[in-house]
């Protein structure tokens, strides 16, 4: 049974203590995005300069290199586990330097990821190279990849363009390293700046997305996630760093602190730019979606079609959560097998282009149907499969089925309209019912 080291009161911030190779296989949940800052394996006795003083580059035993084969094997193990916990359209960001980034890139391709970009983070205040025998190391690389070659990913192109003076944003980002206000609860030796994490989170996720950091350290990823209204799960083996993470989350629970931090994020042309964007960002969890019935034997044929038909009912037979306002729905999810209380989501869904009410006489092939009216749903693209959305669900968790009339209409395969958040909540309840006693659940 998974027990969190820390779970925030708002259920948006989870911390787990332990080895990801042991913990991740126990997760029954998939994430929208992953940021990973794995060991760079550069703790080799070298020296650097910090605040004018020569210091060791050693970070700890966890960062010590044991050879190329060891590095490859380690990266292959954790990336395989993380990939299994990513949604089909999810993306992953992995940061590194020359010490590990080539291995990471090789393993990503080997495991079937599609590399999208290699972002170069140019630090505005790098430490000098005191040996004077090399160029000053002022950059880190961050590989951005999606889980699958064929399943599309999310990219907020318009926002990134806006942040770059209304021109396409390049893959070189000039941002400062961590500032003193980011160390108020303590410091991790490889801590990333909030400005960097907030940019990549806004670029690749929507509001309320779930983000995983398997090497969370002081949880800059989690703080950036919560400041931008995303949800977070972090894992680390070091209790001292988890304690810093917990205190950082408690710190931003103070609304005035959170708002102040948002105005300090670099990369925005005005102090209010980030708060203004977040205020106007759409929460997909509140978007209306439609559940449509499809016989199991017909699913394969639907994959190549961009039109779907629902049986319709007259407006005077209005049912709560049923077709009234259906034209405002954004996405169609298909379900199949059903019994008295449950339906089986197939995992197939598609974005809706338009919905129109049509008489059977205007629909080819349905002229002789007993059903008089249909909703014709024009899809923006063909159906895609998302494994995390394939599960059995209790319809009594979704709709008010207390009266006989509601059950009668539902049993006629009338389309059901509901919010995405409500659908996910029903899934969470089902998971909890099956795993009684489980104490961790970013399963919403």
Protein backbone atom coordinates (compact mmCIF):
# COMPACT_ATOMS: atom_id res chain seq x y z
CA UNK A 1 0.00 0.00 0.00
CA UNK A 2 1.41 3.38 -1.03
CA UNK A 3 1.57 5.93 1.75
CA UNK A 4 2.57 9.50 0.94
CA UNK A 5 5.31 11.21 2.90
CA UNK A 6 3.18 14.33 2.51
CA UNK A 7 -0.23 15.08 1.02
CA UNK A 8 -1.41 18.68 0.83
CA UNK A 9 -4.81 19.69 2.15
CA UNK A 10 -5.90 20.73 -1.36
CA UNK A 11 -4.94 17.27 -2.76
CA UNK A 12 -2.81 18.93 -5.45
CA UNK A 13 0.64 18.08 -4.08
CA UNK A 14 1.85 14.57 -3.18
CA UNK A 15 5.29 13.48 -2.03
CA UNK A 16 6.52 9.89 -1.79
CA UNK A 17 9.67 8.69 -0.08
CA UNK A 18 11.58 5.86 -1.71
CA UNK A 19 13.14 4.46 -4.86
CA UNK A 20 11.18 5.10 -8.06
CA UNK A 21 12.17 1.64 -9.33
CA UNK A 22 10.13 0.20 -6.45
CA UNK A 23 7.34 2.78 -6.18
CA UNK A 24 6.32 3.46 -9.79
CA UNK A 25 5.23 -0.14 -10.54
CA UNK A 26 2.65 0.26 -7.73
CA UNK A 27 1.00 3.29 -9.37
CA UNK A 28 -2.41 2.74 -10.98
CA UNK A 29 -2.49 6.17 -12.58
CA UNK A 30 -1.14 7.94 -15.65
CA UNK A 31 0.26 11.46 -15.92
CA UNK A 32 -0.11 14.27 -18.45
CA UNK A 33 3.50 15.38 -18.19
CA UNK A 34 6.78 14.30 -16.60
CA UNK A 35 9.75 16.45 -15.70
CA UNK A 36 12.85 14.52 -14.68
CA UNK A 37 16.13 15.89 -13.41
CA UNK A 38 17.97 12.58 -12.97
CA UNK A 39 21.52 12.22 -11.62
CA UNK A 40 24.01 13.79 -14.03
CA UNK A 41 26.77 11.48 -12.75
CA UNK A 42 29.32 14.28 -12.55
CA UNK A 43 30.39 13.86 -8.91
CA UNK A 44 33.88 12.78 -9.91
CA UNK A 45 36.04 14.85 -7.58
CA UNK A 46 36.12 17.91 -9.84
CA UNK A 47 36.10 21.54 -8.66
CA UNK A 48 34.09 24.63 -9.53
CA UNK A 49 33.68 28.24 -8.40
CA UNK A 50 30.78 29.43 -6.28
CA UNK A 51 30.48 33.02 -5.07
CA UNK A 52 34.17 33.48 -5.74
CA UNK A 53 35.18 30.38 -3.76
CA UNK A 54 36.56 27.12 -5.17
CA UNK A 55 34.23 24.27 -4.19
CA UNK A 56 33.83 20.57 -4.97
CA UNK A 57 31.31 19.58 -7.66
CA UNK A 58 30.40 16.43 -5.73
CA UNK A 59 26.67 16.33 -4.90
CA UNK A 60 26.50 12.99 -3.10
CA UNK A 61 26.82 9.24 -3.64
CA UNK A 62 23.62 9.26 -5.74
CA UNK A 63 25.43 11.40 -8.36
CA UNK A 64 28.63 9.34 -8.63
CA UNK A 65 29.34 7.69 -11.98
CA UNK A 66 30.03 3.95 -12.21
CA UNK A 67 30.72 3.84 -15.92
CA UNK A 68 28.83 4.17 -19.19
CA UNK A 69 27.08 0.79 -18.99
CA UNK A 70 25.81 1.62 -15.51
CA UNK A 71 24.45 5.00 -16.68
CA UNK A 72 22.68 3.43 -19.67
CA UNK A 73 21.17 0.68 -17.55
CA UNK A 74 19.92 3.17 -14.95
CA UNK A 75 18.35 5.43 -17.56
CA UNK A 76 16.72 2.50 -19.33
CA UNK A 77 15.12 1.25 -16.10
CA UNK A 78 13.61 4.52 -14.89
CA UNK A 79 12.52 5.71 -18.34
CA UNK A 80 10.75 2.40 -19.01
CA UNK A 81 8.81 2.69 -15.76
CA UNK A 82 7.96 6.35 -16.31
CA UNK A 83 6.78 5.70 -19.87
CA UNK A 84 4.31 3.14 -18.56
CA UNK A 85 2.80 5.79 -16.26
CA UNK A 86 2.33 8.41 -19.00
CA UNK A 87 -0.94 9.01 -20.83
CA UNK A 88 -0.82 8.26 -24.55
CA UNK A 89 -0.58 11.95 -25.47
CA UNK A 90 1.76 12.87 -22.61
CA UNK A 91 5.22 14.40 -22.94
CA UNK A 92 8.39 14.19 -20.86
CA UNK A 93 11.15 16.73 -20.24
CA UNK A 94 14.56 15.40 -19.12
CA UNK A 95 17.35 17.78 -18.13
CA UNK A 96 21.03 17.01 -18.27
CA UNK A 97 24.54 17.92 -19.34
CA UNK A 98 27.14 16.16 -21.45
CA UNK A 99 27.62 13.71 -18.59
CA UNK A 100 24.23 12.03 -19.09
CA UNK A 101 22.17 13.68 -21.84
CA UNK A 102 23.52 11.52 -24.69
CA UNK A 103 22.56 8.38 -22.80
CA UNK A 104 19.09 9.76 -22.08
CA UNK A 105 18.53 10.64 -25.74
CA UNK A 106 19.65 7.20 -26.90
CA UNK A 107 17.37 5.38 -24.45
CA UNK A 108 14.36 7.60 -25.26
CA UNK A 109 14.58 6.59 -28.92
CA UNK A 110 15.20 2.97 -28.01
CA UNK A 111 12.00 2.87 -25.90
CA UNK A 112 9.78 4.34 -28.61
CA UNK A 113 9.58 7.99 -27.54
CA UNK A 114 9.54 10.68 -30.22
CA UNK A 115 12.03 13.46 -29.44
CA UNK A 116 10.42 16.83 -30.18
CA UNK A 117 13.14 19.32 -29.20
CA UNK A 118 16.36 19.66 -27.30
CA UNK A 119 16.01 22.94 -25.43
CA UNK A 120 19.21 24.68 -24.38
CA UNK A 121 18.88 26.60 -21.14
CA UNK A 122 21.48 29.39 -21.20
CA UNK A 123 22.16 30.62 -17.67
CA UNK A 124 22.57 34.35 -17.26
CA UNK A 125 24.90 33.92 -14.25
CA UNK A 126 27.06 30.77 -14.72
CA UNK A 127 30.13 30.13 -12.53
CA UNK A 128 33.45 30.77 -14.31
CA UNK A 129 35.81 28.02 -15.40
CA UNK A 130 38.73 28.59 -13.02
CA UNK A 131 41.16 26.24 -14.85
CA UNK A 132 41.06 28.49 -17.93
CA UNK A 133 41.50 25.41 -20.12
CA UNK A 134 37.88 25.09 -21.27
CA UNK A 135 34.96 27.29 -22.31
CA UNK A 136 32.75 28.36 -19.41
CA UNK A 137 29.92 25.85 -18.99
CA UNK A 138 26.84 28.07 -19.12
CA UNK A 139 24.13 25.75 -20.44
CA UNK A 140 22.09 22.67 -19.67
CA UNK A 141 20.06 20.67 -22.16
CA UNK A 142 16.45 19.61 -21.69
CA UNK A 143 15.12 16.94 -24.04
CA UNK A 144 11.40 17.21 -24.78
CA UNK A 145 9.78 14.01 -26.07
CA UNK A 146 6.32 12.57 -26.41
CA UNK A 147 5.37 9.05 -25.47
CA UNK A 148 4.41 7.83 -28.91
CA UNK A 149 5.41 8.52 -32.49
CA UNK A 150 1.80 8.53 -33.69
CA UNK A 151 -0.23 10.07 -30.84
CA UNK A 152 -0.16 13.90 -30.95
CA UNK A 153 0.98 16.00 -27.99
CA UNK A 154 -0.16 19.34 -26.55
CA UNK A 155 1.86 22.48 -27.28
CA UNK A 156 0.75 25.99 -26.34
CA UNK A 157 2.31 27.55 -29.41
CA UNK A 158 0.44 30.85 -29.14
CA UNK A 159 1.56 31.56 -25.57
CA UNK A 160 5.19 30.72 -26.32
CA UNK A 161 5.05 32.99 -29.37
CA UNK A 162 3.54 35.79 -27.27
CA UNK A 163 6.31 35.47 -24.68
CA UNK A 164 8.86 35.84 -27.46
CA UNK A 165 7.67 39.20 -28.81
CA UNK A 166 5.06 37.59 -31.09
CA UNK A 167 7.70 35.54 -32.91
CA UNK A 168 8.20 31.77 -32.84
CA UNK A 169 10.06 30.82 -29.68
CA UNK A 170 13.46 29.25 -30.33
CA UNK A 171 14.93 26.27 -28.52
CA UNK A 172 17.49 28.42 -26.67
CA UNK A 173 16.10 29.94 -23.46
CA UNK A 174 18.09 32.60 -21.63
CA UNK A 175 16.90 32.46 -18.03
CA UNK A 176 18.62 33.10 -14.67
CA UNK A 177 19.57 30.35 -12.24
CA UNK A 178 17.74 30.18 -8.88
CA UNK A 179 17.26 33.43 -7.00
CA UNK A 180 17.61 33.97 -3.25
CA UNK A 181 13.81 34.06 -2.73
CA UNK A 182 13.60 30.53 -4.13
CA UNK A 183 15.80 29.21 -1.30
CA UNK A 184 13.61 30.43 1.59
CA UNK A 185 12.97 26.86 2.80
CA UNK A 186 16.44 25.50 2.06
CA UNK A 187 18.39 24.62 -1.06
CA UNK A 188 18.96 21.51 -3.14
CA UNK A 189 22.40 21.28 -4.82
CA UNK A 190 20.88 20.89 -8.30
CA UNK A 191 17.78 23.03 -7.76
CA UNK A 192 16.20 24.39 -10.94
CA UNK A 193 14.69 27.90 -11.15
CA UNK A 194 10.93 28.33 -11.08
CA UNK A 195 11.13 30.45 -14.24
CA UNK A 196 12.43 27.47 -16.20
CA UNK A 197 9.88 24.97 -14.88
CA UNK A 198 6.93 27.32 -15.27
CA UNK A 199 7.79 27.93 -18.92
CA UNK A 200 7.98 24.27 -19.87
CA UNK A 201 4.84 23.42 -17.85
CA UNK A 202 2.84 26.17 -19.59
CA UNK A 203 4.22 25.07 -22.96
CA UNK A 204 3.17 21.44 -22.66
CA UNK A 205 0.17 21.09 -20.31
CA UNK A 206 -3.34 22.37 -19.83
CA UNK A 207 -4.92 23.64 -16.63
CA UNK A 208 -5.36 20.95 -13.91
CA UNK A 209 -2.97 18.51 -15.59
CA UNK A 210 -1.18 15.91 -13.45
CA UNK A 211 2.63 16.20 -13.45
CA UNK A 212 5.16 13.67 -12.18
CA UNK A 213 8.73 14.34 -11.05
CA UNK A 214 10.49 11.03 -10.26
CA UNK A 215 13.60 12.79 -8.89
CA UNK A 216 11.79 15.60 -7.14
CA UNK A 217 14.56 17.00 -4.92
CA UNK A 218 13.18 20.22 -3.43
CA UNK A 219 10.16 19.98 -5.79
CA UNK A 220 10.57 23.06 -7.93
CA UNK A 221 8.43 21.14 -10.42
CA UNK A 222 5.65 20.80 -7.87
CA UNK A 223 5.78 24.43 -6.79
CA UNK A 224 5.70 25.54 -10.44
CA UNK A 225 2.81 23.13 -11.07
CA UNK A 226 0.71 24.40 -8.16
CA UNK A 227 1.46 28.06 -8.90
CA UNK A 228 0.06 27.47 -12.41
CA UNK A 229 -2.98 25.46 -11.25
CA UNK A 230 -1.59 22.02 -12.14
CA UNK A 231 -1.39 18.99 -9.87
CA UNK A 232 1.76 17.18 -8.80
CA UNK A 233 3.32 13.97 -7.52
CA UNK A 234 7.01 13.88 -6.58
CA UNK A 235 9.30 11.03 -5.50
CA UNK A 236 12.68 11.20 -3.79
CA UNK A 237 14.93 9.00 -1.66
CA UNK A 238 16.28 11.81 0.52
CA UNK A 239 14.12 12.80 3.49
CA UNK A 240 15.88 16.14 3.93
CA UNK A 241 14.86 17.21 0.43
CA UNK A 242 11.29 15.97 0.90
CA UNK A 243 11.09 18.12 4.01
CA UNK A 244 12.20 21.16 1.99
CA UNK A 245 9.57 20.26 -0.62
CA UNK A 246 6.84 20.04 2.00
CA UNK A 247 7.79 23.40 3.49
CA UNK A 248 7.83 25.04 0.07
CA UNK A 249 4.29 23.83 -0.58
CA UNK A 250 3.14 25.08 2.83
CA UNK A 251 4.78 28.42 2.05
CA UNK A 252 2.79 28.98 -1.17
CA UNK A 253 -0.45 28.01 0.58
CA UNK A 254 -0.30 31.63 1.72
CA UNK A 255 -2.08 33.42 -1.19
CA UNK A 256 0.01 36.58 -0.82
CA UNK A 257 3.25 34.58 -1.08
CA UNK A 258 1.99 32.67 -4.11
CA UNK A 259 0.91 35.85 -5.90
CA UNK A 260 4.22 37.56 -5.11
CA UNK A 261 6.18 34.62 -6.53
CA UNK A 262 4.14 34.71 -9.74
CA UNK A 263 5.19 38.32 -10.35
CA UNK A 264 8.87 37.39 -9.95
CA UNK A 265 8.97 34.76 -12.68
CA UNK A 266 11.47 35.68 -15.42
CA UNK A 267 10.58 35.47 -19.08
CA UNK A 268 7.41 37.57 -18.91
CA UNK A 269 7.38 41.09 -20.28
CA UNK A 270 5.28 42.48 -17.41
CA UNK A 271 4.94 41.56 -13.74
CA UNK A 272 1.22 40.84 -14.13
CA UNK A 273 1.58 38.79 -17.32
CA UNK A 274 1.68 35.36 -15.66
CA UNK A 275 -1.19 36.05 -13.21
CA UNK A 276 -3.26 37.49 -16.07
CA UNK A 277 -2.67 34.42 -18.23
CA UNK A 278 -3.55 32.02 -15.43
CA UNK A 279 -6.72 33.91 -14.67
CA UNK A 280 -7.91 33.52 -18.26
CA UNK A 281 -6.74 29.95 -18.79
CA UNK A 282 -9.48 27.41 -19.44
CA UNK A 283 -9.91 24.55 -16.98
CA UNK A 284 -10.52 21.48 -19.16
CA UNK A 285 -11.94 19.60 -16.18
CA UNK A 286 -15.05 21.79 -16.42
CA UNK A 287 -15.51 21.30 -20.15
CA UNK A 288 -18.61 19.41 -21.16
CA UNK A 289 -18.11 16.04 -22.81
CA UNK A 290 -20.50 13.52 -24.35
CA UNK A 291 -20.67 9.79 -23.69
CA UNK A 292 -21.91 7.84 -26.70
CA UNK A 293 -22.81 4.15 -26.95
CA UNK A 294 -21.09 1.98 -29.53
CA UNK A 295 -21.44 -1.78 -29.97
CA UNK A 296 -18.14 -3.54 -29.40
CA UNK A 297 -18.15 -5.09 -32.88
CA UNK A 298 -18.46 -1.62 -34.46
CA UNK A 299 -15.55 0.09 -32.69
CA UNK A 300 -12.88 -0.90 -35.20
CA UNK A 301 -14.91 0.54 -38.09
CA UNK A 302 -15.32 3.88 -36.30
CA UNK A 303 -11.59 4.52 -36.12
CA UNK A 304 -11.52 5.70 -39.73
CA UNK A 305 -14.72 7.77 -39.60
CA UNK A 306 -15.24 11.37 -38.56
CA UNK A 307 -19.04 11.27 -38.13
CA UNK A 308 -21.08 9.78 -35.28
CA UNK A 309 -24.85 9.63 -34.65
CA UNK A 310 -26.83 9.70 -31.37
CA UNK A 311 -30.45 8.85 -30.82
CA UNK A 312 -32.15 12.11 -29.79
CA UNK A 313 -35.12 13.01 -27.58
CA UNK A 314 -37.56 15.92 -27.78
CA UNK A 315 -36.88 18.96 -25.62
CA UNK A 316 -40.04 18.40 -23.55
CA UNK A 317 -38.50 15.17 -22.24
CA UNK A 318 -35.51 16.94 -20.75
CA UNK A 319 -33.43 14.92 -18.27
CA UNK A 320 -30.78 16.30 -15.93
CA UNK A 321 -27.27 15.86 -17.45
CA UNK A 322 -28.75 14.77 -20.78
CA UNK A 323 -28.83 16.47 -24.17
CA UNK A 324 -29.95 19.98 -23.26
CA UNK A 325 -26.96 22.15 -24.18
CA UNK A 326 -25.22 19.25 -25.92
CA UNK A 327 -23.90 21.53 -28.66
CA UNK A 328 -21.52 23.09 -26.11
CA UNK A 329 -19.71 19.79 -25.59
CA UNK A 330 -16.06 19.61 -26.62
CA UNK A 331 -15.22 15.91 -26.80
CA UNK A 332 -16.92 12.58 -27.45
CA UNK A 333 -16.05 9.45 -25.45
CA UNK A 334 -17.37 6.04 -26.47
CA UNK A 335 -18.67 3.35 -24.15
CA UNK A 336 -19.79 -0.19 -24.97
CA UNK A 337 -20.66 -3.12 -22.68
CA UNK A 338 -23.18 -2.38 -19.95
CA UNK A 339 -25.21 -4.03 -17.22
CA UNK A 340 -27.68 -2.67 -14.68
CA UNK A 341 -25.37 -0.03 -13.17
CA UNK A 342 -22.13 0.08 -15.11
CA UNK A 343 -20.83 0.96 -18.55
CA UNK A 344 -17.44 0.23 -20.08
CA UNK A 345 -15.51 3.20 -21.45
CA UNK A 346 -13.63 1.98 -24.51
CA UNK A 347 -10.76 4.46 -24.34
CA UNK A 348 -11.69 5.88 -27.75
CA UNK A 349 -12.44 9.60 -27.98
CA UNK A 350 -12.35 12.46 -30.45
CA UNK A 351 -12.63 16.24 -30.42
CA UNK A 352 -16.03 17.50 -31.55
CA UNK A 353 -16.23 19.91 -34.46
CA UNK A 354 -19.98 20.46 -34.49
CA UNK A 355 -23.27 18.87 -33.37
CA UNK A 356 -26.55 19.26 -35.21
CA UNK A 357 -30.03 17.82 -34.66
CA UNK A 358 -31.23 16.09 -37.85
CA UNK A 359 -34.31 14.20 -38.97
CA UNK A 360 -33.77 10.63 -40.16
CA UNK A 361 -34.93 11.55 -43.66
CA UNK A 362 -31.84 13.71 -44.15
CA UNK A 363 -29.36 10.99 -43.07
CA UNK A 364 -28.26 8.42 -45.62
CA UNK A 365 -28.92 4.89 -44.40
CA UNK A 366 -31.26 5.89 -41.55
CA UNK A 367 -34.37 6.80 -43.57
CA UNK A 368 -36.28 3.73 -42.32
CA UNK A 369 -35.10 3.96 -38.71
CA UNK A 370 -37.64 3.84 -35.87
CA UNK A 371 -35.80 6.80 -34.36
CA UNK A 372 -37.11 10.08 -35.74
CA UNK A 373 -34.26 12.40 -34.77
CA UNK A 374 -30.50 12.02 -34.41
CA UNK A 375 -27.65 14.20 -33.28
CA UNK A 376 -25.07 14.26 -36.06
CA UNK A 377 -21.62 14.75 -34.55
CA UNK A 378 -18.89 15.94 -36.92
CA UNK A 379 -15.46 15.19 -35.46
CA UNK A 380 -12.35 17.30 -36.01
CA UNK A 381 -10.32 14.15 -36.52
CA UNK A 382 -10.63 10.37 -36.27
CA UNK A 383 -10.96 8.61 -32.92
CA UNK A 384 -7.79 8.09 -30.88
CA UNK A 385 -7.19 5.49 -28.18
CA UNK A 386 -6.14 6.47 -24.65
CA UNK A 387 -5.62 3.48 -22.38
CA UNK A 388 -6.15 5.47 -19.19
CA UNK A 389 -9.70 6.22 -20.32
CA UNK A 390 -10.63 2.56 -20.70
CA UNK A 391 -12.38 1.48 -17.50
CA UNK A 392 -15.70 0.36 -16.08
CA UNK A 393 -17.76 3.13 -14.53
CA UNK A 394 -20.85 3.27 -12.33
CA UNK A 395 -23.47 5.43 -14.08
CA UNK A 396 -25.02 6.21 -10.70
CA UNK A 397 -21.79 8.09 -9.93
CA UNK A 398 -22.32 10.22 -13.04
CA UNK A 399 -26.03 10.88 -13.24
CA UNK A 400 -29.15 11.05 -11.12
CA UNK A 401 -30.66 7.65 -11.89
CA UNK A 402 -33.05 7.63 -8.94
CA UNK A 403 -36.19 7.86 -11.07
CA UNK A 404 -37.45 5.29 -13.55
CA UNK A 405 -37.73 7.77 -16.45
CA UNK A 406 -34.02 8.63 -16.33
CA UNK A 407 -33.06 4.96 -16.40
CA UNK A 408 -35.46 4.35 -19.29
CA UNK A 409 -33.93 7.09 -21.46
CA UNK A 410 -30.38 6.06 -20.65
CA UNK A 411 -31.19 2.48 -21.62
CA UNK A 412 -32.26 3.74 -25.06
CA UNK A 413 -28.64 4.77 -25.65
CA UNK A 414 -29.42 8.47 -25.55
CA UNK A 415 -26.20 10.52 -25.38
CA UNK A 416 -25.14 11.51 -21.89
CA UNK A 417 -23.53 14.89 -21.23
CA UNK A 418 -21.26 15.42 -18.26
CA UNK A 419 -18.17 17.43 -17.21
CA UNK A 420 -14.76 15.85 -17.65
CA UNK A 421 -14.05 16.45 -13.97
CA UNK A 422 -17.16 14.47 -13.01
CA UNK A 423 -16.07 11.59 -15.22
CA UNK A 424 -12.63 11.52 -13.62
CA UNK A 425 -14.17 11.75 -10.14
CA UNK A 426 -16.29 8.67 -10.88
CA UNK A 427 -13.12 6.88 -11.95
CA UNK A 428 -11.41 7.91 -8.72
CA UNK A 429 -14.30 6.57 -6.64
CA UNK A 430 -14.15 3.28 -8.53
CA UNK A 431 -10.42 3.01 -7.89
CA UNK A 432 -10.85 3.71 -4.18
CA UNK A 433 -13.64 1.14 -3.95
CA UNK A 434 -11.33 -1.49 -5.46
CA UNK A 435 -8.32 -0.51 -3.36
CA UNK A 436 -9.86 0.01 0.04
CA UNK A 437 -7.26 1.40 2.40
CA UNK A 438 -5.03 2.99 -0.25
CA UNK A 439 -3.81 6.30 1.15
CA UNK A 440 -2.35 7.96 -1.91
CA UNK A 441 -4.41 8.97 -4.85
CA UNK A 442 -3.60 11.52 -7.42
CA UNK A 443 -6.27 9.50 -9.23
CA UNK A 444 -8.60 12.26 -10.26
